[in-house]
N, C-alpha and C. Protein backbone atom coordinates (compact mmCIF):
# COMPACT_ATOMS: atom_id res chain seq x y z
N MET A 1 88.26 91.87 72.76
CA MET A 1 89.55 92.52 72.58
C MET A 1 90.09 92.29 71.17
N LEU A 2 90.00 91.06 70.68
CA LEU A 2 90.50 90.78 69.33
C LEU A 2 89.73 91.54 68.27
N GLU A 3 88.51 91.89 68.54
CA GLU A 3 87.72 92.64 67.56
C GLU A 3 88.31 94.03 67.30
N LEU A 4 89.02 94.56 68.30
CA LEU A 4 89.63 95.88 68.13
C LEU A 4 90.75 95.87 67.08
N ILE A 5 91.45 94.74 66.95
CA ILE A 5 92.55 94.66 65.98
C ILE A 5 92.17 93.82 64.77
N LYS A 6 90.90 93.50 64.64
CA LYS A 6 90.46 92.64 63.54
C LYS A 6 90.19 93.49 62.31
N PHE A 7 91.16 93.54 61.42
CA PHE A 7 90.99 94.17 60.12
C PHE A 7 90.93 93.06 59.09
N ASN A 8 90.51 93.38 57.90
CA ASN A 8 90.56 92.35 56.88
C ASN A 8 92.02 92.12 56.48
N PRO A 9 92.33 90.96 55.89
CA PRO A 9 93.72 90.65 55.54
C PRO A 9 94.36 91.68 54.63
N ARG A 10 93.58 92.32 53.79
CA ARG A 10 94.15 93.33 52.88
C ARG A 10 94.82 94.45 53.67
N ILE A 11 94.19 94.90 54.72
CA ILE A 11 94.76 95.98 55.53
C ILE A 11 96.02 95.48 56.25
N TRP A 12 95.96 94.26 56.81
CA TRP A 12 97.12 93.73 57.51
C TRP A 12 98.30 93.53 56.56
N PHE A 13 98.03 93.01 55.35
CA PHE A 13 99.12 92.86 54.39
C PHE A 13 99.70 94.23 54.03
N PHE A 14 98.85 95.24 53.90
CA PHE A 14 99.35 96.58 53.60
C PHE A 14 100.19 97.11 54.76
N LEU A 15 99.76 96.89 55.99
CA LEU A 15 100.54 97.31 57.15
C LEU A 15 101.89 96.59 57.19
N GLY A 16 101.90 95.30 56.81
CA GLY A 16 103.17 94.56 56.71
C GLY A 16 104.08 95.17 55.66
N PHE A 17 103.49 95.58 54.53
CA PHE A 17 104.26 96.25 53.49
C PHE A 17 104.86 97.55 54.02
N ILE A 18 104.06 98.33 54.75
CA ILE A 18 104.55 99.59 55.33
C ILE A 18 105.71 99.30 56.30
N GLY A 19 105.59 98.22 57.07
CA GLY A 19 106.67 97.82 57.97
C GLY A 19 107.95 97.52 57.20
N CYS A 20 107.83 96.84 56.07
CA CYS A 20 109.00 96.53 55.24
C CYS A 20 109.62 97.80 54.67
N VAL A 21 108.78 98.73 54.24
CA VAL A 21 109.27 100.01 53.73
C VAL A 21 110.03 100.74 54.85
N PHE A 22 109.49 100.72 56.05
CA PHE A 22 110.15 101.35 57.20
C PHE A 22 111.51 100.71 57.45
N LEU A 23 111.58 99.38 57.42
CA LEU A 23 112.86 98.70 57.65
C LEU A 23 113.89 99.06 56.59
N LEU A 24 113.46 99.11 55.34
CA LEU A 24 114.37 99.48 54.26
C LEU A 24 114.81 100.94 54.39
N ALA A 25 113.89 101.80 54.81
CA ALA A 25 114.23 103.21 55.03
C ALA A 25 115.25 103.36 56.16
N MET A 26 115.09 102.57 57.21
CA MET A 26 116.05 102.60 58.31
C MET A 26 117.43 102.14 57.83
N GLY A 27 117.46 101.09 57.01
CA GLY A 27 118.73 100.63 56.46
C GLY A 27 119.39 101.71 55.61
N ALA A 28 118.59 102.40 54.80
CA ALA A 28 119.12 103.49 53.97
C ALA A 28 119.63 104.63 54.86
N TYR A 29 118.89 104.94 55.92
CA TYR A 29 119.32 105.99 56.84
C TYR A 29 120.67 105.65 57.45
N PHE A 30 120.79 104.44 57.98
CA PHE A 30 122.05 104.05 58.62
C PHE A 30 123.21 104.05 57.62
N GLN A 31 122.92 103.69 56.37
CA GLN A 31 123.97 103.65 55.37
C GLN A 31 124.35 105.05 54.88
N PHE A 32 123.37 105.84 54.47
CA PHE A 32 123.66 107.10 53.80
C PHE A 32 123.77 108.30 54.73
N VAL A 33 123.15 108.24 55.90
CA VAL A 33 123.23 109.36 56.83
C VAL A 33 124.28 109.08 57.91
N ASP A 34 124.21 107.91 58.53
CA ASP A 34 125.17 107.57 59.59
C ASP A 34 126.48 107.01 59.05
N GLY A 35 126.52 106.63 57.77
CA GLY A 35 127.76 106.15 57.17
C GLY A 35 128.12 104.72 57.51
N LEU A 36 127.16 103.91 57.95
CA LEU A 36 127.43 102.49 58.23
C LEU A 36 127.33 101.70 56.93
N GLU A 37 128.44 101.17 56.47
CA GLU A 37 128.43 100.39 55.24
C GLU A 37 127.86 99.00 55.51
N PRO A 38 126.90 98.55 54.72
CA PRO A 38 126.32 97.23 54.95
C PRO A 38 127.27 96.12 54.51
N CYS A 39 127.32 95.06 55.30
CA CYS A 39 128.12 93.89 54.94
C CYS A 39 127.27 93.01 54.01
N PRO A 40 127.86 91.93 53.47
CA PRO A 40 127.09 91.06 52.57
C PRO A 40 125.81 90.49 53.20
N LEU A 41 125.86 90.13 54.48
CA LEU A 41 124.66 89.60 55.12
C LEU A 41 123.61 90.68 55.32
N CYS A 42 124.03 91.91 55.58
CA CYS A 42 123.08 93.02 55.70
C CYS A 42 122.34 93.23 54.38
N ILE A 43 123.08 93.17 53.29
CA ILE A 43 122.46 93.35 51.97
C ILE A 43 121.51 92.19 51.68
N SER A 44 121.90 90.98 52.06
CA SER A 44 121.02 89.81 51.88
C SER A 44 119.73 89.98 52.67
N GLN A 45 119.84 90.52 53.89
CA GLN A 45 118.65 90.76 54.71
C GLN A 45 117.76 91.83 54.08
N ARG A 46 118.37 92.84 53.51
CA ARG A 46 117.58 93.88 52.84
C ARG A 46 116.82 93.29 51.65
N ILE A 47 117.46 92.40 50.92
CA ILE A 47 116.79 91.75 49.79
C ILE A 47 115.60 90.93 50.29
N ALA A 48 115.78 90.23 51.41
CA ALA A 48 114.68 89.44 51.97
C ALA A 48 113.55 90.35 52.45
N ILE A 49 113.89 91.50 53.02
CA ILE A 49 112.85 92.46 53.44
C ILE A 49 112.11 92.95 52.21
N LEU A 50 112.84 93.27 51.16
CA LEU A 50 112.23 93.73 49.91
C LEU A 50 111.28 92.67 49.34
N LEU A 51 111.72 91.42 49.30
CA LEU A 51 110.87 90.35 48.77
C LEU A 51 109.61 90.16 49.62
N THR A 52 109.77 90.23 50.94
CA THR A 52 108.62 90.10 51.83
C THR A 52 107.66 91.27 51.60
N GLY A 53 108.20 92.46 51.47
CA GLY A 53 107.37 93.63 51.21
C GLY A 53 106.62 93.53 49.89
N ILE A 54 107.28 92.99 48.87
CA ILE A 54 106.62 92.81 47.57
C ILE A 54 105.46 91.83 47.69
N VAL A 55 105.67 90.73 48.41
CA VAL A 55 104.58 89.76 48.62
C VAL A 55 103.41 90.43 49.33
N PHE A 56 103.71 91.21 50.38
CA PHE A 56 102.65 91.89 51.12
C PHE A 56 101.92 92.91 50.25
N LEU A 57 102.67 93.66 49.46
CA LEU A 57 102.04 94.66 48.59
C LEU A 57 101.15 93.98 47.54
N LEU A 58 101.64 92.90 46.94
CA LEU A 58 100.82 92.18 45.96
C LEU A 58 99.54 91.65 46.60
N ALA A 59 99.65 91.14 47.82
CA ALA A 59 98.47 90.64 48.52
C ALA A 59 97.48 91.77 48.80
N ALA A 60 97.99 92.93 49.20
CA ALA A 60 97.11 94.06 49.49
C ALA A 60 96.43 94.57 48.23
N ILE A 61 97.17 94.63 47.14
CA ILE A 61 96.59 95.11 45.88
C ILE A 61 95.59 94.11 45.32
N HIS A 62 95.97 92.84 45.36
CA HIS A 62 95.13 91.78 44.79
C HIS A 62 93.84 91.58 45.58
N ASN A 63 93.93 91.70 46.91
CA ASN A 63 92.79 91.46 47.79
C ASN A 63 92.11 90.13 47.46
N PRO A 64 92.84 89.02 47.61
CA PRO A 64 92.32 87.73 47.18
C PRO A 64 91.26 87.18 48.13
N GLY A 65 90.66 86.11 47.70
CA GLY A 65 89.72 85.37 48.55
C GLY A 65 90.50 84.53 49.55
N GLN A 66 89.77 83.64 50.21
CA GLN A 66 90.37 82.84 51.28
C GLN A 66 91.55 82.00 50.79
N ALA A 67 91.44 81.35 49.64
CA ALA A 67 92.54 80.52 49.13
C ALA A 67 93.74 81.39 48.78
N GLY A 68 93.51 82.55 48.19
CA GLY A 68 94.59 83.46 47.85
C GLY A 68 95.29 84.01 49.08
N VAL A 69 94.53 84.31 50.12
CA VAL A 69 95.12 84.80 51.36
C VAL A 69 96.07 83.74 51.92
N ARG A 70 95.65 82.49 51.87
CA ARG A 70 96.53 81.40 52.35
C ARG A 70 97.84 81.38 51.57
N ILE A 71 97.74 81.49 50.25
CA ILE A 71 98.94 81.44 49.41
C ILE A 71 99.86 82.62 49.72
N TYR A 72 99.29 83.83 49.76
CA TYR A 72 100.10 85.01 50.08
C TYR A 72 100.68 84.92 51.49
N ALA A 73 99.90 84.42 52.42
CA ALA A 73 100.37 84.30 53.80
C ALA A 73 101.56 83.35 53.88
N ILE A 74 101.47 82.25 53.19
CA ILE A 74 102.58 81.28 53.20
C ILE A 74 103.80 81.87 52.49
N LEU A 75 103.59 82.52 51.34
CA LEU A 75 104.72 83.15 50.64
C LEU A 75 105.37 84.23 51.50
N GLY A 76 104.56 85.05 52.14
CA GLY A 76 105.10 86.09 53.01
C GLY A 76 105.88 85.50 54.17
N ALA A 77 105.36 84.43 54.76
CA ALA A 77 106.05 83.79 55.87
C ALA A 77 107.36 83.15 55.41
N VAL A 78 107.34 82.52 54.25
CA VAL A 78 108.56 81.87 53.73
C VAL A 78 109.65 82.92 53.47
N THR A 79 109.30 84.03 52.82
CA THR A 79 110.32 85.05 52.55
C THR A 79 110.82 85.67 53.85
N ALA A 80 109.92 85.90 54.80
CA ALA A 80 110.33 86.46 56.09
C ALA A 80 111.20 85.47 56.86
N LEU A 81 110.87 84.20 56.84
CA LEU A 81 111.67 83.20 57.55
C LEU A 81 113.02 82.98 56.87
N PHE A 82 113.07 83.14 55.54
CA PHE A 82 114.35 83.09 54.83
C PHE A 82 115.24 84.24 55.33
N GLY A 83 114.65 85.43 55.43
CA GLY A 83 115.39 86.56 55.97
C GLY A 83 115.78 86.34 57.42
N GLY A 84 114.90 85.71 58.17
CA GLY A 84 115.21 85.39 59.56
C GLY A 84 116.37 84.43 59.68
N ALA A 85 116.47 83.49 58.74
CA ALA A 85 117.59 82.55 58.74
C ALA A 85 118.90 83.29 58.48
N ILE A 86 118.86 84.25 57.56
CA ILE A 86 120.06 85.06 57.28
C ILE A 86 120.42 85.87 58.52
N SER A 87 119.43 86.47 59.16
CA SER A 87 119.68 87.25 60.38
C SER A 87 120.26 86.37 61.48
N THR A 88 119.75 85.15 61.60
CA THR A 88 120.25 84.23 62.61
C THR A 88 121.73 83.92 62.38
N ARG A 89 122.09 83.68 61.12
CA ARG A 89 123.50 83.44 60.79
C ARG A 89 124.33 84.67 61.15
N HIS A 90 123.82 85.85 60.86
CA HIS A 90 124.53 87.09 61.14
C HIS A 90 124.76 87.25 62.64
N VAL A 91 123.72 87.02 63.43
CA VAL A 91 123.86 87.11 64.88
C VAL A 91 124.86 86.07 65.38
N TRP A 92 124.81 84.87 64.82
CA TRP A 92 125.75 83.81 65.21
C TRP A 92 127.19 84.24 64.93
N LEU A 93 127.43 84.81 63.74
CA LEU A 93 128.78 85.29 63.41
C LEU A 93 129.24 86.36 64.39
N GLN A 94 128.32 87.21 64.81
CA GLN A 94 128.69 88.28 65.73
C GLN A 94 129.04 87.76 67.12
N HIS A 95 128.61 86.55 67.44
CA HIS A 95 128.89 86.00 68.76
C HIS A 95 130.02 84.96 68.75
N LEU A 96 130.67 84.78 67.61
CA LEU A 96 131.81 83.87 67.55
C LEU A 96 133.01 84.46 68.27
N PRO A 97 133.84 83.62 68.87
CA PRO A 97 135.10 84.14 69.42
C PRO A 97 135.95 84.71 68.28
N LYS A 98 136.77 85.70 68.61
CA LYS A 98 137.57 86.40 67.59
C LYS A 98 138.39 85.44 66.72
N ASP A 99 138.92 84.37 67.32
CA ASP A 99 139.77 83.46 66.55
C ASP A 99 138.98 82.55 65.60
N GLN A 100 137.65 82.53 65.71
CA GLN A 100 136.83 81.70 64.83
C GLN A 100 136.07 82.50 63.77
N VAL A 101 136.22 83.81 63.79
CA VAL A 101 135.54 84.66 62.81
C VAL A 101 136.17 84.43 61.44
N PRO A 102 135.34 84.25 60.39
CA PRO A 102 135.92 84.06 59.05
C PRO A 102 136.67 85.32 58.60
N GLU A 103 137.54 85.11 57.62
CA GLU A 103 138.30 86.24 57.10
C GLU A 103 137.38 87.23 56.41
N CYS A 104 137.82 88.49 56.41
CA CYS A 104 137.07 89.52 55.69
C CYS A 104 137.22 89.27 54.19
N GLY A 105 136.17 89.52 53.48
CA GLY A 105 136.18 89.30 52.04
C GLY A 105 136.25 90.61 51.29
N PRO A 106 136.35 90.51 49.97
CA PRO A 106 136.35 91.73 49.16
C PRO A 106 134.97 92.38 49.17
N GLY A 107 134.88 93.62 48.73
CA GLY A 107 133.61 94.33 48.67
C GLY A 107 132.68 93.68 47.65
N LEU A 108 131.39 93.93 47.83
CA LEU A 108 130.40 93.34 46.93
C LEU A 108 130.58 93.77 45.48
N GLU A 109 130.91 95.02 45.28
CA GLU A 109 131.10 95.50 43.90
C GLU A 109 132.22 94.71 43.23
N TYR A 110 133.31 94.49 43.95
CA TYR A 110 134.42 93.70 43.41
C TYR A 110 133.99 92.27 43.13
N MET A 111 133.23 91.69 44.07
CA MET A 111 132.77 90.31 43.89
C MET A 111 131.89 90.18 42.65
N PHE A 112 130.95 91.12 42.48
CA PHE A 112 130.06 91.05 41.31
C PHE A 112 130.83 91.21 40.00
N GLN A 113 131.90 91.99 40.02
CA GLN A 113 132.67 92.22 38.80
C GLN A 113 133.63 91.08 38.49
N ASN A 114 134.13 90.39 39.52
CA ASN A 114 135.22 89.44 39.30
C ASN A 114 134.91 87.99 39.67
N PHE A 115 133.83 87.73 40.36
CA PHE A 115 133.50 86.37 40.77
C PHE A 115 132.29 85.90 39.98
N PRO A 116 132.15 84.58 39.80
CA PRO A 116 130.89 84.08 39.21
C PRO A 116 129.73 84.38 40.16
N LEU A 117 128.55 84.50 39.58
CA LEU A 117 127.37 84.85 40.39
C LEU A 117 127.16 83.86 41.52
N SER A 118 127.36 82.57 41.27
CA SER A 118 127.15 81.56 42.32
C SER A 118 128.10 81.78 43.50
N ALA A 119 129.35 82.12 43.22
CA ALA A 119 130.31 82.37 44.30
C ALA A 119 129.95 83.64 45.08
N THR A 120 129.49 84.65 44.36
CA THR A 120 129.08 85.90 45.01
C THR A 120 127.89 85.66 45.92
N LEU A 121 126.89 84.93 45.43
CA LEU A 121 125.71 84.63 46.25
C LEU A 121 126.08 83.81 47.47
N LYS A 122 127.00 82.85 47.29
CA LYS A 122 127.43 82.03 48.43
C LYS A 122 128.09 82.90 49.49
N LEU A 123 128.97 83.83 49.06
CA LEU A 123 129.61 84.73 50.02
C LEU A 123 128.59 85.66 50.68
N MET A 124 127.61 86.12 49.89
CA MET A 124 126.58 87.01 50.45
C MET A 124 125.77 86.32 51.53
N LEU A 125 125.51 85.03 51.36
CA LEU A 125 124.66 84.31 52.31
C LEU A 125 125.43 83.68 53.46
N SER A 126 126.73 83.45 53.27
CA SER A 126 127.49 82.83 54.36
C SER A 126 128.17 83.86 55.24
N GLY A 127 128.43 85.05 54.70
CA GLY A 127 129.01 86.12 55.50
C GLY A 127 130.53 86.08 55.50
N THR A 128 131.11 87.19 55.88
CA THR A 128 132.56 87.32 55.98
C THR A 128 132.88 87.91 57.35
N GLY A 129 134.16 88.14 57.58
CA GLY A 129 134.58 88.74 58.85
C GLY A 129 133.96 90.11 59.08
N ASP A 130 133.66 90.82 57.99
CA ASP A 130 132.99 92.12 58.13
C ASP A 130 131.66 91.97 58.85
N CYS A 131 131.01 90.85 58.64
CA CYS A 131 129.68 90.63 59.21
C CYS A 131 129.71 90.40 60.72
N ALA A 132 130.88 90.04 61.25
CA ALA A 132 130.99 89.76 62.68
C ALA A 132 131.13 91.02 63.52
N GLU A 133 131.41 92.13 62.87
CA GLU A 133 131.60 93.39 63.58
C GLU A 133 130.25 94.00 63.98
N VAL A 134 130.13 94.36 65.23
CA VAL A 134 128.91 95.02 65.72
C VAL A 134 129.18 96.53 65.70
N THR A 135 128.51 97.23 64.80
CA THR A 135 128.74 98.67 64.67
C THR A 135 127.61 99.51 65.26
N TRP A 136 126.52 98.88 65.63
CA TRP A 136 125.37 99.59 66.16
C TRP A 136 124.59 98.64 67.05
N SER A 137 124.06 99.14 68.15
CA SER A 137 123.18 98.33 68.99
C SER A 137 122.19 99.25 69.70
N PHE A 138 121.08 98.65 70.07
CA PHE A 138 120.04 99.35 70.81
C PHE A 138 119.47 98.37 71.80
N LEU A 139 119.41 98.74 73.07
CA LEU A 139 118.96 97.85 74.14
C LEU A 139 119.73 96.54 74.13
N SER A 140 121.01 96.63 73.90
CA SER A 140 121.95 95.50 73.90
C SER A 140 121.75 94.52 72.74
N LEU A 141 120.92 94.86 71.77
CA LEU A 141 120.75 94.00 70.59
C LEU A 141 121.35 94.70 69.38
N SER A 142 122.09 93.93 68.59
CA SER A 142 122.69 94.48 67.38
C SER A 142 121.63 94.64 66.29
N MET A 143 122.01 95.31 65.23
CA MET A 143 121.08 95.52 64.12
C MET A 143 120.56 94.19 63.55
N PRO A 144 121.44 93.19 63.33
CA PRO A 144 120.91 91.91 62.83
C PRO A 144 119.95 91.23 63.81
N ALA A 145 120.16 91.42 65.10
CA ALA A 145 119.23 90.84 66.09
C ALA A 145 117.87 91.52 65.99
N TRP A 146 117.87 92.85 65.85
CA TRP A 146 116.59 93.55 65.68
C TRP A 146 115.93 93.16 64.35
N THR A 147 116.74 92.94 63.34
CA THR A 147 116.19 92.51 62.05
C THR A 147 115.57 91.13 62.19
N LEU A 148 116.20 90.25 62.95
CA LEU A 148 115.63 88.93 63.21
C LEU A 148 114.27 89.06 63.90
N VAL A 149 114.18 89.93 64.89
CA VAL A 149 112.90 90.17 65.56
C VAL A 149 111.86 90.65 64.55
N ALA A 150 112.26 91.57 63.69
CA ALA A 150 111.34 92.09 62.67
C ALA A 150 110.89 90.99 61.72
N PHE A 151 111.80 90.14 61.28
CA PHE A 151 111.43 89.04 60.38
C PHE A 151 110.45 88.08 61.06
N LEU A 152 110.68 87.77 62.32
CA LEU A 152 109.76 86.88 63.04
C LEU A 152 108.39 87.51 63.19
N MET A 153 108.35 88.83 63.42
CA MET A 153 107.07 89.52 63.51
C MET A 153 106.36 89.53 62.16
N LEU A 154 107.11 89.74 61.08
CA LEU A 154 106.51 89.74 59.74
C LEU A 154 105.97 88.36 59.38
N ALA A 155 106.70 87.31 59.73
CA ALA A 155 106.24 85.95 59.46
C ALA A 155 104.97 85.65 60.26
N THR A 156 104.95 86.08 61.51
CA THR A 156 103.77 85.87 62.35
C THR A 156 102.58 86.64 61.79
N LEU A 157 102.79 87.90 61.45
CA LEU A 157 101.73 88.71 60.86
C LEU A 157 101.17 88.03 59.60
N SER A 158 102.06 87.51 58.79
CA SER A 158 101.64 86.87 57.55
C SER A 158 100.80 85.62 57.83
N LEU A 159 101.29 84.77 58.71
CA LEU A 159 100.55 83.52 58.99
C LEU A 159 99.24 83.78 59.73
N LEU A 160 99.19 84.84 60.51
CA LEU A 160 97.94 85.16 61.21
C LEU A 160 96.82 85.51 60.23
N GLN A 161 97.18 85.87 59.01
CA GLN A 161 96.14 86.22 58.03
C GLN A 161 95.33 85.00 57.61
N ILE A 162 95.90 83.82 57.72
CA ILE A 162 95.12 82.60 57.45
C ILE A 162 94.00 82.50 58.47
N TRP A 163 94.34 82.68 59.74
CA TRP A 163 93.34 82.64 60.80
C TRP A 163 92.38 83.81 60.64
N ASN A 164 92.90 84.99 60.34
CA ASN A 164 92.09 86.19 60.21
C ASN A 164 91.04 86.03 59.10
N CYS A 165 91.45 85.45 57.99
CA CYS A 165 90.55 85.27 56.85
C CYS A 165 89.44 84.25 57.17
N GLU A 166 89.78 83.23 57.93
CA GLU A 166 88.80 82.19 58.25
C GLU A 166 87.77 82.68 59.27
N HIS A 167 88.09 83.72 60.02
CA HIS A 167 87.20 84.21 61.07
C HIS A 167 86.58 85.57 60.73
N GLU A 168 86.49 85.88 59.47
CA GLU A 168 85.85 87.14 59.06
C GLU A 168 84.36 87.07 59.20
C-alpha cells in the first residue's frame, strides 16, 4: 500500500509547495472576493505559509541528496510548526470569554507607519481583539483552526521526507 504513495522527496516537496500556494490563494479569495479583512494573526499565518512554501519550493528545485532532504525537511517542519503556533494562539483567542478578549488594535498599515518594527511584530504575533472574531467557519471549525490543521499536515509531510528518503 505504501508503494502506491511512494514518490521521491522532490515530488512530495513540490506537492507541499502546491498546497501552500493553494492556502495563500484561498486567503486572497476570502480577502479580495468575499471581503474578509485579515487580522494581524491571519497575516502572520500567511507569512508562515509563504515561508513554508518557499522552503518546499527550494527543496523541490534543489533535489538534494539524503543529507539535504533532512535539512529541508527540518526547515519545512520548523516553519510549519511556527505557523501552527500562531494558529494555535489565534484559535485560543477565539475561544476566550468576551470579557477576556484583548482590545482591538489599530490597522496594520497604521502600525507600520507609526510604531517601531518590534512593536508592530509583537502586535502581529500576539493578536488583538480583531483576531477573536470568528467571521467564517466550515464544519464548525474557524479559518484559524483549519489553518492549524493545514500547518500540522505540512509539518508531517515535511518530516515524512526524512523517512521517505531513507527508504528509497
